[in-house]
Amino acid sequence: MSLLEGSLQYSSPTIPQLVIPSVGKLQLSGENTSLFASLLTVGAVAGGLIAGKMSDQLGRRSTLLLSSVPYMSGWLLITYAATVRHLLIGRTLCGIGVGTTSLVSSVYLAEISTPDIRGRLVFLSSLALTIGSLSCAALSLLVNWRYLALIGSIPSLLLAIGMTMLPETPRFLVAQYRSKEAIDTLEWLHGDTTDIYMEMAEIEEMHQTGAEISFFELFRPPLVKPMAISLMCMFFQQFTGFNAIYYYCTYIFNQAGFNDSLIVNLIANAVLFVVLFLAIALIDRLGRKILLLISGAGVIISSMLFGLFFQLQDSNHLQLNGLAIASVLSFLLFFGLGWSAIPWLLMSELLPTKARGIASSVSTCFNWLCGFIVAYFFIDIENGITSQGVFWLFAGCTFVAELCIYKFLPETKGKTLEEIQTFFDPVTMIEEPRPSYGSDILGEYNTFDKTQSLSINR
């Protein structure tokens, strides 16, 4: 998982090395600089489009394993690039891997976890991503962009090896009518900590009550509300401005007059790494909604202060480097507390199993499309409304996000995925499971019989 964030962070230390004339044919023009930063998100849109269908057909585990192929190809193409075109194609291939992994990893973690640890598990994946980002920032101080890309290809190999050692999710196995394997997987995952036969009965019943979902059904009741909330969260995650700051972190600090911008970039990633430990401790205690509201409030204040830095610098020619550093570090601290991972967690929680593949694909594509808009047009917007204007614009978007989260987002903390599904579709009500499954007098579990599933009130 750490390779995903390494891909996101790679452009920040690399762009300053590729805009100087000494790199020859690989020198990035102004337009190619924007493309180099933003084509990752274009590839991520493509990855999101194919990943939903792949995860429904091949499984979550197999799709994650296959996502290592475009990752490896993209990194190697950048490593041995001879022209700018090679760089741009390599970034696009890495983006396909990013889109695939960001979608399927959230679904995979949500489907294998219990309600009491689901939030922490998804934030642990964000912690792994930040380790990749921190490693990229640290290595950029030691090696040039080619060696950094070569090192970036290593985690894709580790991803492929790691996924061969992990099981498929029980909900996918039930959807494929492989109930015996699903029970074995639940036993492997949870051991004696939960009633796996009760959980199995609930998963099976939810699978039996739903038909296959088409694209247009995502925007009709009962799916339209969870789908709209997921898209809303994805939109506002990007329009907080995080990826603009992240992709161009070194560039922004160069613009602000810092000579040691790579060091500041490393410090910024270290702050994001540390704050995720706090988020892991709080996500299943405070809940998703409270953390998003706290996170958004901090992002607003930080963006306003960063804009103020540029305003004071332009008008008074003051040296306020401390304000710039404090603003960015505060932004990353509060963003990491909630908006970094919760939208992906909510995507996997709010959408029912039958719709999770196609709906997650739509949400992921929308997220990365918004990310492309922010990343590609960031420099143009900055030139049009000044640096302070663009960060105040991000603050305004985040304020709107606060209002929408407060008004529309239900709390999912402590609820099973099936309980969340019945919240949005109350017509389907799960009754208390009958003890149809479990061990017999000899201590062996009975064959899973679909005729003994839970009853449904309609």
Foldseek 3Di string as FASTA:
>chain_A
DQLLLLLLQLLALALVVQCDCVVPQSRADPQLSLLLNQLLLVLLLVLLQPLLVCCLVVNLLVLQLVLLVLLLVLLLQCLPPPHNVSSNVSSSSNSSSNNNCLLSVLLQLQLLDAQLQSQLSLLVVVLSNLVSNLVLLVCSVPDHSNVSSVVSSVVSVVSNVVSVVADTGLLSCLLVVNNVVSLVNNCVRQPPPDDSVQVSLLSNVLSVVDDADDPVCCCPPLNNQLLVVLLLLLLLLQLLVVSQCSSNVLVVVVVLPDPPSSVLNSVLSVLLSVLSVVLSVPCLPVFQLVLLLQLLVQSLVLLLQCLVSQVCCVPPVDNPVVSNSVSSSSNSNSCSNHSSRSSSNSLSQQDDPSCSSVSSSVSSSSSSVSNSVCSSCVVVVCVVLNPSVSSNSSSVSSVVSSVCSVPRPDTPRPHRSSRSHCVSVVQWDFDRQDPPWAADPVRHIDDDDSVRRTDTHD
